[in-house]
């Protein structure tokens, strides 16, 4: 039997983030649950402090392509963003500086990025070219590529994921 006593009767907006000039395409909550990062069609990423009753923007990162997806490392020092131009970018969250730029890692846009839960130097990407890639962020090299005739990435928001132990790709 399922009890619905914990489900709220109504859902209401608590806060609205104002700062992007175009729609937000992606958002990620930091592991500490005190910050979020947003990516927008205005070609910027913004870090927000959400630990207080008033949310405030803390860092802005600018780039040359619309971000489609984003993730934050477990230490909350680095973020990775996937872009419509097929590239991924690594960012120092504290300063907003770009740490690395891997151009055209996918033919077409990057639809998802995820730091490995078991190895914080590795990132899984999914692209519109229907390929998954495991990337080493230290060397900016592809460690592994995954393709299958029956696997198709047809949408800009198609997602992929690593298992908690980092041994399986979904």
N, C-alpha and C. Protein backbone atom coordinates (compact mmCIF):
# COMPACT_ATOMS: atom_id res chain seq x y z
N UNK A 1 0.84 -1.18 0.00
CA UNK A 1 0.00 0.00 0.00
C UNK A 1 0.89 1.25 0.00
N UNK A 2 0.54 2.21 -0.82
CA UNK A 2 1.30 3.46 -0.91
C UNK A 2 0.51 4.57 -0.23
N UNK A 3 1.16 5.25 0.66
CA UNK A 3 0.54 6.37 1.35
C UNK A 3 0.89 7.65 0.62
N UNK A 4 -0.08 8.49 0.40
CA UNK A 4 0.14 9.77 -0.27
C UNK A 4 0.14 10.94 0.70
N UNK A 5 0.26 10.66 1.98
CA UNK A 5 0.19 11.74 2.98
C UNK A 5 1.37 12.70 2.89
N UNK A 6 2.49 12.25 2.33
CA UNK A 6 3.67 13.10 2.21
C UNK A 6 3.69 13.93 0.93
N UNK A 7 2.76 13.70 0.03
CA UNK A 7 2.71 14.42 -1.23
C UNK A 7 1.98 15.74 -1.01
N UNK A 8 2.60 16.86 -1.36
CA UNK A 8 1.93 18.15 -1.15
C UNK A 8 0.70 18.29 -2.05
N UNK A 9 -0.29 19.00 -1.52
CA UNK A 9 -1.52 19.23 -2.27
C UNK A 9 -1.28 20.11 -3.49
N UNK A 10 -0.44 21.13 -3.31
CA UNK A 10 -0.15 22.04 -4.41
C UNK A 10 1.35 22.23 -4.53
N UNK A 11 1.77 22.58 -5.70
CA UNK A 11 3.17 22.88 -5.94
C UNK A 11 3.25 24.35 -6.28
N UNK A 12 4.15 25.05 -5.61
CA UNK A 12 4.28 26.48 -5.89
C UNK A 12 5.74 26.83 -6.13
N UNK A 13 5.94 27.87 -6.88
CA UNK A 13 7.29 28.35 -7.18
C UNK A 13 7.85 29.04 -5.95
N UNK A 14 9.06 28.64 -5.57
CA UNK A 14 9.70 29.24 -4.40
C UNK A 14 10.61 30.38 -4.83
N UNK A 15 11.41 30.15 -5.88
CA UNK A 15 12.34 31.15 -6.36
C UNK A 15 12.37 31.14 -7.88
N UNK A 16 12.74 32.26 -8.44
CA UNK A 16 12.97 32.36 -9.87
C UNK A 16 14.35 32.96 -10.06
N UNK A 17 15.16 32.31 -10.89
CA UNK A 17 16.50 32.81 -11.16
C UNK A 17 16.42 33.77 -12.34
N UNK A 18 16.87 34.99 -12.14
CA UNK A 18 16.88 35.98 -13.20
C UNK A 18 18.33 36.34 -13.50
N UNK A 19 18.73 36.21 -14.75
CA UNK A 19 20.11 36.53 -15.09
C UNK A 19 20.49 36.13 -16.49
N UNK A 20 19.84 35.10 -17.03
CA UNK A 20 20.10 34.71 -18.41
C UNK A 20 19.20 35.53 -19.33
N UNK A 21 19.69 35.81 -20.54
CA UNK A 21 18.90 36.58 -21.49
C UNK A 21 18.11 35.70 -22.46
N UNK A 22 18.35 34.39 -22.43
CA UNK A 22 17.60 33.43 -23.25
C UNK A 22 17.23 32.24 -22.38
N UNK A 23 16.56 31.27 -22.96
CA UNK A 23 16.07 30.13 -22.18
C UNK A 23 17.22 29.31 -21.58
N UNK A 24 16.94 28.70 -20.43
CA UNK A 24 17.89 27.81 -19.78
C UNK A 24 17.70 26.41 -20.36
N UNK A 25 18.80 25.83 -20.85
CA UNK A 25 18.76 24.50 -21.45
C UNK A 25 19.12 23.39 -20.48
N UNK A 26 19.92 23.71 -19.45
CA UNK A 26 20.38 22.67 -18.54
C UNK A 26 20.65 23.27 -17.17
N UNK A 27 20.51 22.43 -16.16
CA UNK A 27 20.75 22.84 -14.78
C UNK A 27 21.27 21.63 -14.01
N UNK A 28 22.15 21.88 -13.06
CA UNK A 28 22.70 20.80 -12.23
C UNK A 28 22.88 21.32 -10.81
N UNK A 29 22.44 20.52 -9.85
CA UNK A 29 22.63 20.82 -8.45
C UNK A 29 24.00 20.31 -8.02
N UNK A 30 24.77 21.12 -7.33
CA UNK A 30 26.06 20.69 -6.80
C UNK A 30 25.82 19.62 -5.74
N UNK A 31 26.84 18.81 -5.48
CA UNK A 31 26.71 17.73 -4.50
C UNK A 31 26.47 18.26 -3.09
N UNK A 32 26.94 19.49 -2.80
CA UNK A 32 26.72 20.07 -1.47
C UNK A 32 25.32 20.64 -1.31
N UNK A 33 24.54 20.66 -2.38
CA UNK A 33 23.17 21.16 -2.42
C UNK A 33 23.04 22.62 -2.02
N UNK A 34 24.14 23.37 -2.13
CA UNK A 34 24.11 24.80 -1.80
C UNK A 34 24.27 25.67 -3.03
N UNK A 35 24.59 25.06 -4.16
CA UNK A 35 24.77 25.81 -5.40
C UNK A 35 24.16 25.02 -6.55
N UNK A 36 23.77 25.75 -7.58
CA UNK A 36 23.37 25.14 -8.85
C UNK A 36 24.12 25.85 -9.96
N UNK A 37 24.21 25.18 -11.10
CA UNK A 37 24.80 25.79 -12.28
C UNK A 37 23.78 25.66 -13.41
N UNK A 38 23.62 26.72 -14.16
CA UNK A 38 22.67 26.73 -15.27
C UNK A 38 23.41 27.04 -16.58
N UNK A 39 22.93 26.46 -17.66
CA UNK A 39 23.45 26.74 -18.99
C UNK A 39 22.32 27.23 -19.87
N UNK A 40 22.60 28.21 -20.68
CA UNK A 40 21.54 28.89 -21.42
C UNK A 40 21.87 29.03 -22.90
N UNK A 41 20.80 29.29 -23.67
CA UNK A 41 20.96 29.60 -25.09
C UNK A 41 21.65 30.95 -25.29
N UNK A 42 21.84 31.72 -24.23
CA UNK A 42 22.58 32.99 -24.36
C UNK A 42 24.10 32.77 -24.34
N UNK A 43 24.51 31.49 -24.38
CA UNK A 43 25.92 31.09 -24.44
C UNK A 43 26.68 31.44 -23.17
N UNK A 44 25.99 31.30 -22.05
CA UNK A 44 26.66 31.49 -20.77
C UNK A 44 26.25 30.40 -19.79
N UNK A 45 27.13 30.17 -18.82
CA UNK A 45 26.86 29.30 -17.68
C UNK A 45 26.90 30.20 -16.46
N UNK A 46 26.01 29.95 -15.51
CA UNK A 46 25.99 30.77 -14.30
C UNK A 46 25.90 29.85 -13.09
N UNK A 47 26.69 30.18 -12.07
CA UNK A 47 26.65 29.48 -10.80
C UNK A 47 25.85 30.33 -9.83
N UNK A 48 24.94 29.68 -9.10
CA UNK A 48 24.04 30.37 -8.19
C UNK A 48 24.18 29.80 -6.78
N UNK A 49 24.26 30.67 -5.80
CA UNK A 49 24.23 30.27 -4.40
C UNK A 49 22.77 30.15 -4.00
N UNK A 50 22.33 28.94 -3.63
CA UNK A 50 20.94 28.71 -3.27
C UNK A 50 20.82 28.31 -1.79
N UNK A 51 21.82 28.64 -1.00
CA UNK A 51 21.84 28.23 0.41
C UNK A 51 21.06 29.19 1.32
N UNK A 52 20.67 30.32 0.78
CA UNK A 52 19.94 31.31 1.58
C UNK A 52 18.55 31.50 0.99
N UNK A 53 17.76 32.29 1.67
CA UNK A 53 16.41 32.54 1.18
C UNK A 53 16.40 33.38 -0.09
N UNK A 54 17.47 34.14 -0.31
CA UNK A 54 17.62 34.91 -1.55
C UNK A 54 18.74 34.28 -2.37
N UNK A 55 18.42 33.82 -3.56
CA UNK A 55 19.42 33.20 -4.43
C UNK A 55 20.24 34.30 -5.09
N UNK A 56 21.55 34.06 -5.21
CA UNK A 56 22.37 35.07 -5.87
C UNK A 56 23.35 34.40 -6.82
N UNK A 57 23.60 35.09 -7.90
CA UNK A 57 24.55 34.61 -8.91
C UNK A 57 25.96 34.88 -8.41
N UNK A 58 26.85 33.87 -8.53
CA UNK A 58 28.21 34.05 -8.02
C UNK A 58 29.25 34.08 -9.13
N UNK A 59 29.09 33.29 -10.19
CA UNK A 59 30.09 33.19 -11.24
C UNK A 59 29.39 33.09 -12.60
N UNK A 60 29.97 33.73 -13.61
CA UNK A 60 29.46 33.60 -14.98
C UNK A 60 30.60 33.14 -15.88
N UNK A 61 30.29 32.17 -16.74
CA UNK A 61 31.26 31.66 -17.71
C UNK A 61 30.67 31.85 -19.10
N UNK A 62 31.44 32.42 -20.00
CA UNK A 62 30.96 32.69 -21.37
C UNK A 62 31.66 31.77 -22.36
N UNK A 63 30.94 31.43 -23.42
CA UNK A 63 31.49 30.53 -24.44
C UNK A 63 30.87 30.86 -25.78
N UNK A 64 31.30 30.17 -26.82
CA UNK A 64 30.90 30.52 -28.19
C UNK A 64 29.79 29.66 -28.76
N UNK A 65 29.26 28.73 -27.98
CA UNK A 65 28.22 27.84 -28.48
C UNK A 65 27.19 27.59 -27.37
N UNK A 66 25.96 27.37 -27.77
CA UNK A 66 24.90 27.09 -26.80
C UNK A 66 25.19 25.81 -26.04
N UNK A 67 25.11 25.89 -24.72
CA UNK A 67 25.31 24.69 -23.90
C UNK A 67 24.03 23.88 -23.87
N UNK A 68 24.20 22.59 -23.97
CA UNK A 68 23.07 21.67 -24.03
C UNK A 68 22.96 20.84 -22.76
N UNK A 69 24.09 20.66 -22.06
CA UNK A 69 24.13 19.79 -20.89
C UNK A 69 25.31 20.19 -20.02
N UNK A 70 25.24 19.82 -18.74
CA UNK A 70 26.28 20.23 -17.81
C UNK A 70 26.35 19.24 -16.66
N UNK A 71 27.54 19.12 -16.08
CA UNK A 71 27.71 18.34 -14.86
C UNK A 71 28.79 19.02 -14.01
N UNK A 72 28.81 18.66 -12.73
CA UNK A 72 29.76 19.22 -11.77
C UNK A 72 30.52 18.06 -11.14
N UNK A 73 31.83 18.23 -10.98
CA UNK A 73 32.65 17.19 -10.35
C UNK A 73 32.26 17.02 -8.89
N UNK A 74 32.59 15.86 -8.32
CA UNK A 74 32.21 15.58 -6.93
C UNK A 74 32.88 16.53 -5.94
N UNK A 75 34.03 17.09 -6.29
CA UNK A 75 34.68 18.06 -5.41
C UNK A 75 34.17 19.48 -5.61
N UNK A 76 33.26 19.65 -6.56
CA UNK A 76 32.60 20.94 -6.85
C UNK A 76 33.57 22.02 -7.33
N UNK A 77 34.73 21.64 -7.83
CA UNK A 77 35.70 22.61 -8.32
C UNK A 77 35.66 22.76 -9.84
N UNK A 78 35.17 21.75 -10.53
CA UNK A 78 35.18 21.72 -11.99
C UNK A 78 33.80 21.39 -12.52
N UNK A 79 33.42 22.04 -13.59
CA UNK A 79 32.21 21.65 -14.30
C UNK A 79 32.59 21.34 -15.75
N UNK A 80 31.76 20.54 -16.39
CA UNK A 80 31.92 20.22 -17.80
C UNK A 80 30.61 20.56 -18.49
N UNK A 81 30.71 21.18 -19.65
CA UNK A 81 29.52 21.53 -20.41
C UNK A 81 29.64 20.94 -21.81
N UNK A 82 28.51 20.44 -22.32
CA UNK A 82 28.43 19.92 -23.68
C UNK A 82 27.68 20.92 -24.55
N UNK A 83 28.14 21.09 -25.80
CA UNK A 83 27.63 22.19 -26.63
C UNK A 83 27.10 21.73 -27.97
N UNK A 84 26.28 22.59 -28.56
CA UNK A 84 25.66 22.32 -29.86
C UNK A 84 26.70 22.23 -30.97
N UNK A 85 27.89 22.80 -30.77
CA UNK A 85 28.93 22.73 -31.80
C UNK A 85 29.70 21.40 -31.77
N UNK A 86 29.30 20.47 -30.89
CA UNK A 86 29.96 19.17 -30.81
C UNK A 86 31.13 19.13 -29.86
N UNK A 87 31.40 20.22 -29.16
CA UNK A 87 32.54 20.27 -28.25
C UNK A 87 32.12 20.21 -26.79
N UNK A 88 33.10 19.93 -25.93
CA UNK A 88 32.89 20.02 -24.49
C UNK A 88 33.93 20.97 -23.91
N UNK A 89 33.55 21.62 -22.83
CA UNK A 89 34.44 22.57 -22.17
C UNK A 89 34.48 22.28 -20.68
N UNK A 90 35.67 22.36 -20.11
CA UNK A 90 35.86 22.20 -18.68
C UNK A 90 36.07 23.58 -18.07
N UNK A 91 35.50 23.82 -16.88
CA UNK A 91 35.50 25.13 -16.25
C UNK A 91 35.94 25.04 -14.81
N UNK A 92 36.70 26.02 -14.36
CA UNK A 92 37.00 26.19 -12.94
C UNK A 92 35.81 26.96 -12.36
N UNK A 93 35.04 26.30 -11.52
CA UNK A 93 33.80 26.89 -11.02
C UNK A 93 34.07 28.10 -10.13
N UNK A 94 35.20 28.11 -9.43
CA UNK A 94 35.50 29.21 -8.51
C UNK A 94 35.82 30.50 -9.26
N UNK A 95 36.58 30.41 -10.36
CA UNK A 95 37.02 31.62 -11.06
C UNK A 95 36.22 31.90 -12.33
N UNK A 96 35.55 30.88 -12.87
CA UNK A 96 34.84 31.04 -14.13
C UNK A 96 35.74 30.88 -15.34
N UNK A 97 37.00 30.56 -15.14
CA UNK A 97 37.95 30.40 -16.24
C UNK A 97 37.77 29.04 -16.92
N UNK A 98 37.94 29.03 -18.23
CA UNK A 98 37.90 27.79 -18.98
C UNK A 98 39.20 27.03 -18.74
N UNK A 99 39.10 25.79 -18.29
CA UNK A 99 40.28 24.97 -18.00
C UNK A 99 40.72 24.17 -19.22
N UNK A 100 39.77 23.76 -20.06
CA UNK A 100 40.09 23.00 -21.27
C UNK A 100 38.92 23.09 -22.23
N UNK A 101 39.23 22.90 -23.50
CA UNK A 101 38.22 22.96 -24.56
C UNK A 101 38.53 21.83 -25.54
N UNK A 102 37.61 20.88 -25.67
CA UNK A 102 37.78 19.80 -26.65
C UNK A 102 36.77 20.05 -27.76
N UNK A 103 37.26 20.48 -28.90
CA UNK A 103 36.39 20.84 -30.01
C UNK A 103 36.00 19.62 -30.82
N UNK A 104 34.78 19.63 -31.32
CA UNK A 104 34.27 18.62 -32.27
C UNK A 104 34.51 17.19 -31.81
N UNK A 105 34.25 16.94 -30.54
CA UNK A 105 34.37 15.56 -30.04
C UNK A 105 33.25 14.69 -30.60
N UNK A 106 32.15 15.33 -30.98
CA UNK A 106 31.03 14.66 -31.63
C UNK A 106 30.67 15.41 -32.90
N UNK A 107 30.19 14.69 -33.89
CA UNK A 107 29.65 15.31 -35.09
C UNK A 107 28.21 15.66 -34.75
N UNK A 108 27.90 16.91 -34.69
CA UNK A 108 26.61 17.36 -34.20
C UNK A 108 26.76 17.73 -32.74
N UNK A 109 25.67 18.02 -32.08
CA UNK A 109 25.73 18.49 -30.70
C UNK A 109 26.02 17.40 -29.69
N UNK A 110 26.48 17.84 -28.52
CA UNK A 110 26.66 16.96 -27.37
C UNK A 110 25.36 17.02 -26.58
N UNK A 111 24.77 15.86 -26.31
CA UNK A 111 23.46 15.82 -25.65
C UNK A 111 23.52 15.53 -24.16
N UNK A 112 24.60 14.93 -23.68
CA UNK A 112 24.75 14.73 -22.23
C UNK A 112 26.22 14.58 -21.86
N UNK A 113 26.53 15.01 -20.64
CA UNK A 113 27.87 14.85 -20.06
C UNK A 113 27.68 14.39 -18.62
N UNK A 114 28.59 13.52 -18.16
CA UNK A 114 28.53 13.06 -16.76
C UNK A 114 29.93 12.71 -16.29
N UNK A 115 30.34 13.31 -15.16
CA UNK A 115 31.57 12.89 -14.51
C UNK A 115 31.37 11.47 -14.00
N UNK A 116 32.38 10.64 -14.14
CA UNK A 116 32.31 9.28 -13.63
C UNK A 116 32.17 9.30 -12.11
N UNK A 117 31.22 8.54 -11.57
CA UNK A 117 31.08 8.48 -10.11
C UNK A 117 32.27 7.81 -9.43
N UNK A 118 33.02 7.00 -10.18
CA UNK A 118 34.14 6.26 -9.57
C UNK A 118 35.51 6.82 -9.92
N UNK A 119 35.58 7.74 -10.90
CA UNK A 119 36.85 8.32 -11.31
C UNK A 119 36.60 9.76 -11.78
N UNK A 120 36.88 10.72 -10.94
CA UNK A 120 36.52 12.12 -11.22
C UNK A 120 37.30 12.75 -12.37
N UNK A 121 38.25 12.02 -12.95
CA UNK A 121 39.00 12.55 -14.10
C UNK A 121 38.38 12.10 -15.42
N UNK A 122 37.32 11.30 -15.35
CA UNK A 122 36.69 10.78 -16.57
C UNK A 122 35.28 11.33 -16.73
N UNK A 123 34.92 11.60 -17.99
CA UNK A 123 33.61 12.14 -18.31
C UNK A 123 33.00 11.32 -19.44
N UNK A 124 31.74 10.95 -19.28
CA UNK A 124 31.00 10.27 -20.34
C UNK A 124 30.21 11.30 -21.13
N UNK A 125 30.30 11.24 -22.46
CA UNK A 125 29.54 12.13 -23.32
C UNK A 125 28.64 11.32 -24.24
N UNK A 126 27.54 11.93 -24.66
CA UNK A 126 26.65 11.37 -25.67
C UNK A 126 26.48 12.44 -26.72
N UNK A 127 26.53 12.06 -28.00
CA UNK A 127 26.44 13.04 -29.06
C UNK A 127 25.38 12.71 -30.09
N UNK A 128 25.01 13.71 -30.89
CA UNK A 128 24.03 13.52 -31.96
C UNK A 128 24.54 12.57 -33.04
N UNK A 129 25.83 12.23 -33.00
CA UNK A 129 26.38 11.24 -33.93
C UNK A 129 26.14 9.81 -33.44
N UNK A 130 25.31 9.66 -32.39
CA UNK A 130 24.95 8.35 -31.82
C UNK A 130 26.17 7.60 -31.29
N UNK A 131 27.10 8.33 -30.73
CA UNK A 131 28.30 7.76 -30.14
C UNK A 131 28.42 8.22 -28.69
N UNK A 132 28.78 7.30 -27.82
CA UNK A 132 29.12 7.63 -26.45
C UNK A 132 30.64 7.61 -26.36
N UNK A 133 31.21 8.56 -25.64
CA UNK A 133 32.66 8.61 -25.48
C UNK A 133 33.01 8.79 -24.00
N UNK A 134 34.03 8.05 -23.57
CA UNK A 134 34.58 8.23 -22.24
C UNK A 134 35.87 9.03 -22.41
N UNK A 135 35.92 10.21 -21.79
CA UNK A 135 37.00 11.18 -21.98
C UNK A 135 37.83 11.30 -20.72
N UNK A 136 39.15 11.38 -20.88
CA UNK A 136 40.05 11.69 -19.76
C UNK A 136 40.23 13.21 -19.75
N UNK A 137 39.76 13.87 -18.71
CA UNK A 137 39.81 15.34 -18.70
C UNK A 137 41.22 15.88 -18.50
N UNK A 138 42.16 15.04 -18.02
CA UNK A 138 43.55 15.50 -17.84
C UNK A 138 44.26 15.60 -19.18
N UNK A 139 44.01 14.64 -20.07
CA UNK A 139 44.69 14.61 -21.37
C UNK A 139 43.80 15.07 -22.52
N UNK A 140 42.50 15.22 -22.24
CA UNK A 140 41.51 15.58 -23.27
C UNK A 140 41.45 14.54 -24.39
N UNK A 141 41.74 13.30 -24.06
CA UNK A 141 41.73 12.20 -25.03
C UNK A 141 40.53 11.29 -24.78
N UNK A 142 40.04 10.67 -25.87
CA UNK A 142 38.99 9.67 -25.76
C UNK A 142 39.60 8.36 -25.29
N UNK A 143 39.10 7.83 -24.19
CA UNK A 143 39.56 6.55 -23.66
C UNK A 143 38.84 5.39 -24.32
N UNK A 144 37.51 5.58 -24.56
CA UNK A 144 36.69 4.55 -25.18
C UNK A 144 35.57 5.21 -25.94
N UNK A 145 35.15 4.57 -27.04
CA UNK A 145 33.97 4.98 -27.79
C UNK A 145 33.00 3.82 -27.83
N UNK A 146 31.72 4.13 -27.75
CA UNK A 146 30.68 3.10 -27.76
C UNK A 146 29.68 3.43 -28.87
N UNK A 147 29.45 2.46 -29.75
CA UNK A 147 28.45 2.60 -30.81
C UNK A 147 27.76 1.26 -31.01
N UNK A 148 26.54 1.30 -31.49
CA UNK A 148 25.81 0.08 -31.84
C UNK A 148 24.83 0.44 -32.94
N UNK A 149 24.61 -0.47 -33.88
CA UNK A 149 23.71 -0.20 -35.01
C UNK A 149 22.31 0.18 -34.56
N UNK A 150 21.86 -0.36 -33.43
CA UNK A 150 20.50 -0.09 -32.96
C UNK A 150 20.42 1.08 -31.99
N UNK A 151 21.55 1.70 -31.67
CA UNK A 151 21.55 2.85 -30.77
C UNK A 151 21.53 4.12 -31.58
N UNK A 152 20.56 4.98 -31.32
CA UNK A 152 20.44 6.26 -32.02
C UNK A 152 20.19 7.39 -31.03
N UNK A 153 20.91 8.46 -31.17
CA UNK A 153 20.67 9.67 -30.40
C UNK A 153 19.92 10.62 -31.31
N UNK A 154 18.62 10.72 -31.10
CA UNK A 154 17.77 11.49 -32.02
C UNK A 154 17.35 12.85 -31.48
N UNK A 155 17.58 13.10 -30.20
CA UNK A 155 17.12 14.34 -29.58
C UNK A 155 18.28 15.08 -28.92
N UNK A 156 18.19 16.39 -28.87
CA UNK A 156 19.25 17.19 -28.25
C UNK A 156 19.33 16.99 -26.75
N UNK A 157 18.31 16.41 -26.14
CA UNK A 157 18.33 16.18 -24.70
C UNK A 157 18.43 14.70 -24.36
N UNK A 158 18.88 13.87 -25.31
CA UNK A 158 19.09 12.44 -25.04
C UNK A 158 20.20 12.28 -24.02
N UNK A 159 20.01 11.37 -23.08
CA UNK A 159 20.92 11.23 -21.96
C UNK A 159 21.62 9.88 -21.96
N UNK A 160 22.77 9.83 -21.36
CA UNK A 160 23.48 8.58 -21.09
C UNK A 160 24.01 8.67 -19.67
N UNK A 161 24.38 7.52 -19.10
CA UNK A 161 24.79 7.54 -17.71
C UNK A 161 25.74 6.39 -17.42
N UNK A 162 26.63 6.62 -16.47
CA UNK A 162 27.52 5.57 -15.96
C UNK A 162 26.92 5.01 -14.68
N UNK A 163 27.12 3.72 -14.45
CA UNK A 163 26.69 3.10 -13.20
C UNK A 163 27.51 3.68 -12.05
N UNK A 164 27.04 3.56 -10.80
CA UNK A 164 27.78 4.13 -9.66
C UNK A 164 29.22 3.62 -9.54
N UNK A 165 29.49 2.40 -9.98
CA UNK A 165 30.85 1.88 -9.92
C UNK A 165 31.67 2.26 -11.16
N UNK A 166 31.03 2.92 -12.14
CA UNK A 166 31.71 3.37 -13.34
C UNK A 166 32.02 2.28 -14.35
N UNK A 167 31.47 1.08 -14.16
CA UNK A 167 31.81 -0.05 -15.02
C UNK A 167 30.79 -0.29 -16.14
N UNK A 168 29.63 0.32 -16.04
CA UNK A 168 28.60 0.11 -17.07
C UNK A 168 28.12 1.45 -17.61
N UNK A 169 27.75 1.43 -18.87
CA UNK A 169 27.23 2.62 -19.55
C UNK A 169 25.77 2.34 -19.90
N UNK A 170 24.91 3.32 -19.61
CA UNK A 170 23.49 3.18 -19.93
C UNK A 170 23.05 4.32 -20.83
